[in-house]
Amino acid sequence: MDVLNFLLLPFLAGLILTGIHAYLGVHVVERGVIFVDLSLAQIAALGTTAAYLAGHDLHDPVTYFWSLGFTIIGAAVFAMTRTHHQTRIPQEAIIGIVYAVSAAAAILAMSKAPEGTEHLKDMLVGNILTVSWATVIKTAILYAAVGLFHFIFRSRFLAISLGREIPNVKWWDFLFYTSFGFVVTSSVSIAGVLLVFSYLIVPSVAAMLYARTIGARLAIGWTMGALVSAVGVLVSFYKDLPTGATIVCTFGAALALMASVRAFWKPKALAGTPLA
């Protein structure tokens, strides 16, 4: 029972991350901006690094707003550079450049700071095993608010993700990426860049192997995320391994297994059902 009580919080954190990221992942995959989450996460980590170098504790509320500010700037860049027709420079190239520059800037900044190596490690893989009740509750409330926002404006966000033209598309893109930024800023502080990316992309990609409707994709993504979170946390605890990295590898193994099954079985849900 002591072990279960200790693992309860990281498991709940994993469920919360799964809930919002599996949904956002559907939009990201449909938009074809697969690495936008990784890029925004790295921008958020750069903001945290800047706050740390400015003298703020990593868990100080001020640090969160530094990180959020950097992320909103990134959201504005991605909203303005997104085009809805063919262009010589794909947005994925812009996203990759922003990620690389943000990562390099964080490395340069932390190279002169005490405990810089440990901070960079936390940014990459996080430390979800030590998450607190206060963090879990605050994160759940924030993600619920973001989820409600997306539910209210779901028709506009879905239209953009499916490539349809709507009025003020750049404004709605900015709102999408900004709400995304709120999620990523909180997620990175809990789970790190790599795990945040895995929660966003892997369940959505796995769901695409078996379903085309949004409802079915979400059901598969949420189920996969919950199971992988539980298995990853247990394995990391009993094998004394870094939790974030273990969950990321578990996601990879689960996706490989689902892809192998899919190679020998074609579900009826893929037989022409439209995405809706």
Protein backbone atom coordinates (compact mmCIF):
# COMPACT_ATOMS: atom_id res chain seq x y z
CA MET A 1 0.00 0.00 0.00
CA ASP A 2 2.87 2.40 0.72
CA VAL A 3 4.23 1.81 -2.78
CA LEU A 4 0.80 2.38 -4.35
CA ASN A 5 0.33 5.60 -2.38
CA PHE A 6 3.76 6.81 -3.50
CA LEU A 7 3.04 6.04 -7.17
CA LEU A 8 -0.50 7.47 -7.12
CA LEU A 9 0.52 11.09 -7.74
CA PRO A 10 2.81 10.46 -10.73
CA PHE A 11 0.14 8.21 -12.22
CA LEU A 12 -2.52 10.91 -11.78
CA ALA A 13 -0.14 13.43 -13.34
CA GLY A 14 0.27 11.07 -16.29
CA LEU A 15 -3.51 10.78 -16.67
CA ILE A 16 -3.89 14.57 -16.65
CA LEU A 17 -1.16 14.96 -19.25
CA THR A 18 -2.78 12.25 -21.36
CA GLY A 19 -6.20 13.91 -21.21
CA ILE A 20 -5.20 17.23 -22.78
CA HIS A 21 -2.25 16.14 -24.92
CA ALA A 22 -4.06 13.29 -26.67
CA TYR A 23 -6.71 15.81 -27.75
CA LEU A 24 -4.21 18.45 -28.86
CA GLY A 25 -2.25 15.74 -30.64
CA VAL A 26 -5.20 15.13 -32.98
CA HIS A 27 -4.97 18.75 -34.13
CA VAL A 28 -1.18 18.73 -34.38
CA VAL A 29 -1.11 15.58 -36.52
CA GLU A 30 -3.87 16.86 -38.81
CA ARG A 31 -2.06 20.19 -39.22
CA GLY A 32 1.17 18.41 -40.10
CA VAL A 33 3.18 20.38 -37.52
CA ILE A 34 4.41 17.34 -35.65
CA PHE A 35 7.26 19.05 -33.83
CA VAL A 36 5.39 22.17 -32.73
CA ASP A 37 4.92 20.74 -29.25
CA LEU A 38 8.61 19.90 -28.98
CA SER A 39 9.50 23.41 -30.14
CA LEU A 40 7.06 25.16 -27.78
CA ALA A 41 8.25 22.93 -24.94
CA GLN A 42 11.84 23.93 -25.63
CA ILE A 43 10.84 27.61 -25.73
CA ALA A 44 9.12 27.16 -22.36
CA ALA A 45 12.29 25.51 -21.02
CA LEU A 46 14.32 28.45 -22.31
CA GLY A 47 12.02 30.81 -20.44
CA THR A 48 12.54 28.78 -17.28
CA THR A 49 16.29 28.94 -17.84
CA ALA A 50 16.15 32.72 -18.24
CA ALA A 51 14.19 33.05 -15.01
CA TYR A 52 16.68 30.78 -13.21
CA LEU A 53 19.61 32.88 -14.37
CA ALA A 54 17.74 36.01 -13.26
CA GLY A 55 17.80 34.65 -9.72
CA HIS A 56 14.38 33.01 -9.43
CA ASP A 57 13.87 29.55 -7.99
CA LEU A 58 12.72 26.92 -10.49
CA HIS A 59 9.50 26.43 -8.53
CA ASP A 60 8.83 30.13 -8.02
CA PRO A 61 5.51 31.32 -9.58
CA VAL A 62 7.50 34.11 -11.26
CA THR A 63 9.45 31.46 -13.16
CA TYR A 64 6.21 30.08 -14.57
CA PHE A 65 5.27 33.48 -15.99
CA TRP A 66 8.73 33.89 -17.52
CA SER A 67 8.26 30.55 -19.22
CA LEU A 68 4.70 31.40 -20.29
CA GLY A 69 5.82 34.72 -21.74
CA PHE A 70 8.46 33.05 -23.88
CA THR A 71 5.90 30.47 -25.01
CA ILE A 72 3.34 33.09 -26.05
CA ILE A 73 6.01 34.78 -28.19
CA GLY A 74 6.62 31.40 -29.83
CA ALA A 75 2.86 30.97 -30.34
CA ALA A 76 2.72 34.33 -32.12
CA VAL A 77 5.61 33.33 -34.39
CA PHE A 78 3.96 30.03 -35.35
CA ALA A 79 0.57 31.66 -35.93
CA MET A 80 2.06 34.32 -38.21
CA THR A 81 4.22 31.88 -40.19
CA ARG A 82 1.47 29.31 -40.78
CA THR A 83 0.09 29.39 -44.32
CA HIS A 84 -2.94 27.58 -45.69
CA HIS A 85 -1.55 27.06 -49.17
CA GLN A 86 1.63 25.64 -50.64
CA THR A 87 4.75 27.67 -49.95
CA ARG A 88 8.45 27.30 -50.69
CA ILE A 89 9.27 27.26 -46.96
CA PRO A 90 7.12 24.77 -44.99
CA GLN A 91 6.16 25.76 -41.47
CA GLU A 92 7.80 22.60 -40.12
CA ALA A 93 11.14 24.12 -41.17
CA ILE A 94 10.39 27.25 -39.10
CA ILE A 95 9.37 25.08 -36.15
CA GLY A 96 12.59 23.08 -36.40
CA ILE A 97 14.73 26.20 -36.56
CA VAL A 98 13.01 27.68 -33.49
CA TYR A 99 13.54 24.42 -31.60
CA ALA A 100 17.22 24.21 -32.48
CA VAL A 101 17.93 27.84 -31.59
CA SER A 102 15.98 27.60 -28.31
CA ALA A 103 17.79 24.42 -27.31
CA ALA A 104 21.19 25.90 -28.18
CA ALA A 105 20.39 29.12 -26.30
CA ALA A 106 19.40 27.12 -23.20
CA ILE A 107 22.64 25.12 -23.37
CA LEU A 108 24.72 28.28 -23.72
CA ALA A 109 22.90 29.97 -20.87
CA MET A 110 23.27 27.04 -18.48
CA SER A 111 26.92 26.34 -19.39
CA LYS A 112 28.00 29.14 -17.04
CA ALA A 113 25.49 28.44 -14.28
CA PRO A 114 26.05 26.25 -11.22
CA GLU A 115 24.23 22.91 -11.47
CA GLY A 116 23.63 23.66 -15.15
CA THR A 117 23.91 20.04 -16.24
CA GLU A 118 21.27 18.90 -13.76
CA HIS A 119 18.90 21.67 -14.87
CA LEU A 120 19.29 20.68 -18.53
CA LYS A 121 18.55 17.06 -17.62
CA ASP A 122 15.37 18.11 -15.78
CA MET A 123 14.27 20.14 -18.80
CA LEU A 124 14.61 17.08 -21.03
CA VAL A 125 13.12 14.28 -18.92
CA GLY A 126 11.52 16.10 -15.97
CA ASN A 127 10.88 14.48 -12.61
CA ILE A 128 7.27 13.37 -12.62
CA LEU A 129 7.92 10.90 -9.80
CA THR A 130 8.20 13.74 -7.26
CA VAL A 131 5.11 15.70 -8.34
CA SER A 132 3.01 17.12 -5.45
CA TRP A 133 -0.72 17.19 -4.79
CA ALA A 134 -0.74 20.98 -5.20
CA THR A 135 0.86 20.71 -8.63
CA VAL A 136 -1.53 17.96 -9.73
CA ILE A 137 -4.59 19.96 -8.64
CA LYS A 138 -3.41 23.24 -10.21
CA THR A 139 -2.52 21.47 -13.43
CA ALA A 140 -5.88 19.69 -13.57
CA ILE A 141 -7.73 23.00 -13.13
CA LEU A 142 -5.66 24.73 -15.81
CA TYR A 143 -6.08 21.89 -18.31
CA ALA A 144 -9.82 21.75 -17.61
CA ALA A 145 -10.04 25.47 -18.43
CA VAL A 146 -8.08 24.96 -21.65
CA GLY A 147 -10.28 21.98 -22.51
CA LEU A 148 -13.42 24.07 -21.97
CA PHE A 149 -12.00 26.82 -24.18
CA HIS A 150 -11.35 24.32 -26.95
CA PHE A 151 -14.78 22.77 -26.54
CA ILE A 152 -16.49 26.15 -26.94
CA PHE A 153 -14.53 27.00 -30.10
CA ARG A 154 -14.05 23.44 -31.34
CA SER A 155 -15.63 24.07 -34.74
CA ARG A 156 -13.13 26.82 -35.60
CA PHE A 157 -10.07 24.93 -34.37
CA LEU A 158 -11.12 21.75 -36.14
CA ALA A 159 -11.83 23.64 -39.38
CA ILE A 160 -8.31 25.10 -39.36
CA SER A 161 -6.73 21.74 -38.56
CA LEU A 162 -8.58 20.18 -41.50
CA GLY A 163 -7.37 22.91 -43.85
CA ARG A 164 -10.66 24.75 -44.25
CA GLU A 165 -10.81 28.49 -44.73
CA ILE A 166 -12.41 30.56 -41.95
CA PRO A 167 -12.41 34.34 -41.24
CA ASN A 168 -9.54 35.72 -39.13
CA VAL A 169 -7.62 32.46 -39.42
CA LYS A 170 -4.34 33.85 -38.05
CA TRP A 171 -6.12 35.18 -34.97
CA TRP A 172 -7.65 31.76 -34.28
CA ASP A 173 -4.29 30.14 -34.95
CA PHE A 174 -2.74 32.46 -32.37
CA LEU A 175 -5.42 31.52 -29.81
CA PHE A 176 -4.82 27.84 -30.54
CA TYR A 177 -1.07 28.08 -30.09
CA THR A 178 -1.41 30.32 -27.02
CA SER A 179 -3.74 27.84 -25.30
CA PHE A 180 -1.27 25.17 -26.38
CA GLY A 181 1.45 27.26 -24.74
CA PHE A 182 -0.38 27.32 -21.39
CA VAL A 183 -0.52 23.53 -21.47
CA VAL A 184 3.09 23.07 -22.55
CA THR A 185 4.46 25.53 -19.99
CA SER A 186 2.89 23.55 -17.16
CA SER A 187 3.68 20.17 -18.69
CA VAL A 188 7.39 20.85 -19.15
CA SER A 189 7.83 21.77 -15.49
CA ILE A 190 6.29 18.41 -14.54
CA ALA A 191 7.46 15.98 -17.18
CA GLY A 192 10.20 17.57 -19.28
CA VAL A 193 10.45 18.22 -23.01
CA LEU A 194 10.73 14.64 -24.27
CA LEU A 195 7.85 13.22 -22.24
CA VAL A 196 5.57 16.12 -23.17
CA PHE A 197 6.28 15.44 -26.85
CA SER A 198 5.56 11.73 -26.36
CA TYR A 199 2.21 12.36 -24.64
CA LEU A 200 1.20 14.64 -27.50
CA ILE A 201 2.26 12.66 -30.56
CA VAL A 202 2.49 8.94 -29.77
CA PRO A 203 -1.16 8.34 -28.66
CA SER A 204 -2.45 10.29 -31.67
CA VAL A 205 -0.25 8.40 -34.13
CA ALA A 206 -1.21 5.08 -32.55
CA ALA A 207 -4.89 5.99 -32.74
CA MET A 208 -4.57 6.84 -36.44
CA LEU A 209 -3.59 3.24 -37.07
CA TYR A 210 -7.01 2.03 -35.92
CA ALA A 211 -9.55 4.86 -36.34
CA ARG A 212 -10.44 7.90 -38.43
CA THR A 213 -13.11 9.62 -36.34
CA ILE A 214 -12.05 12.05 -33.63
CA GLY A 215 -14.06 10.26 -30.95
CA ALA A 216 -12.45 6.92 -31.69
CA ARG A 217 -8.97 8.45 -31.87
CA LEU A 218 -9.43 10.14 -28.50
CA ALA A 219 -10.70 6.93 -26.90
CA ILE A 220 -7.70 4.97 -28.18
CA GLY A 221 -5.24 7.75 -27.31
CA TRP A 222 -6.57 8.20 -23.78
CA THR A 223 -6.56 4.45 -23.13
CA MET A 224 -3.02 4.06 -24.45
CA GLY A 225 -1.75 7.06 -22.46
CA ALA A 226 -3.29 5.76 -19.22
CA LEU A 227 -1.86 2.27 -19.64
CA VAL A 228 1.59 3.50 -20.67
CA SER A 229 1.68 5.93 -17.73
CA ALA A 230 0.88 3.13 -15.28
CA VAL A 231 3.40 0.69 -16.77
CA GLY A 232 6.13 3.31 -17.14
CA VAL A 233 5.80 4.55 -13.57
CA LEU A 234 5.84 0.99 -12.18
CA VAL A 235 8.85 -0.07 -14.23
CA SER A 236 10.81 3.06 -13.33
CA PHE A 237 10.09 2.55 -9.64
CA TYR A 238 10.94 -1.13 -9.41
CA LYS A 239 13.97 -0.92 -11.73
CA ASP A 240 15.19 2.38 -10.22
CA LEU A 241 15.20 4.15 -13.60
CA PRO A 242 14.49 7.79 -14.54
CA THR A 243 10.70 7.98 -14.72
CA GLY A 244 10.38 10.37 -17.67
CA ALA A 245 12.78 8.46 -19.88
CA THR A 246 11.16 5.15 -18.91
CA ILE A 247 7.68 6.37 -19.90
CA VAL A 248 9.02 7.71 -23.21
CA CYS A 249 10.56 4.32 -24.02
CA THR A 250 7.35 2.58 -22.94
CA PHE A 251 5.43 4.79 -25.37
CA GLY A 252 7.83 3.72 -28.13
CA ALA A 253 7.45 0.04 -27.30
CA ALA A 254 3.65 0.33 -27.13
CA LEU A 255 3.51 2.10 -30.50
CA ALA A 256 5.74 -0.56 -32.09
CA LEU A 257 3.45 -3.30 -30.70
CA MET A 258 0.30 -1.58 -31.97
CA ALA A 259 1.87 -1.04 -35.40
CA SER A 260 2.84 -4.72 -35.56
CA VAL A 261 -0.73 -5.78 -34.76
CA ARG A 262 -2.07 -3.29 -37.30
CA ALA A 263 0.10 -4.85 -40.01
CA PHE A 264 -1.92 -8.08 -39.72
CA TRP A 265 -5.36 -6.62 -38.92
CA LYS A 266 -7.29 -3.83 -40.61
CA PRO A 267 -10.10 -2.53 -38.38
CA LYS A 268 -13.42 -1.69 -40.04
CA ALA A 269 -13.23 1.87 -38.63
CA LEU A 270 -10.67 2.69 -41.32
CA ALA A 271 -12.86 1.63 -44.20
CA GLY A 272 -13.83 5.10 -45.42
CA THR A 273 -15.16 6.71 -42.26
CA PRO A 274 -14.60 10.50 -42.48
CA LEU A 275 -12.75 12.45 -39.81
CA ALA A 276 -15.44 14.25 -37.79
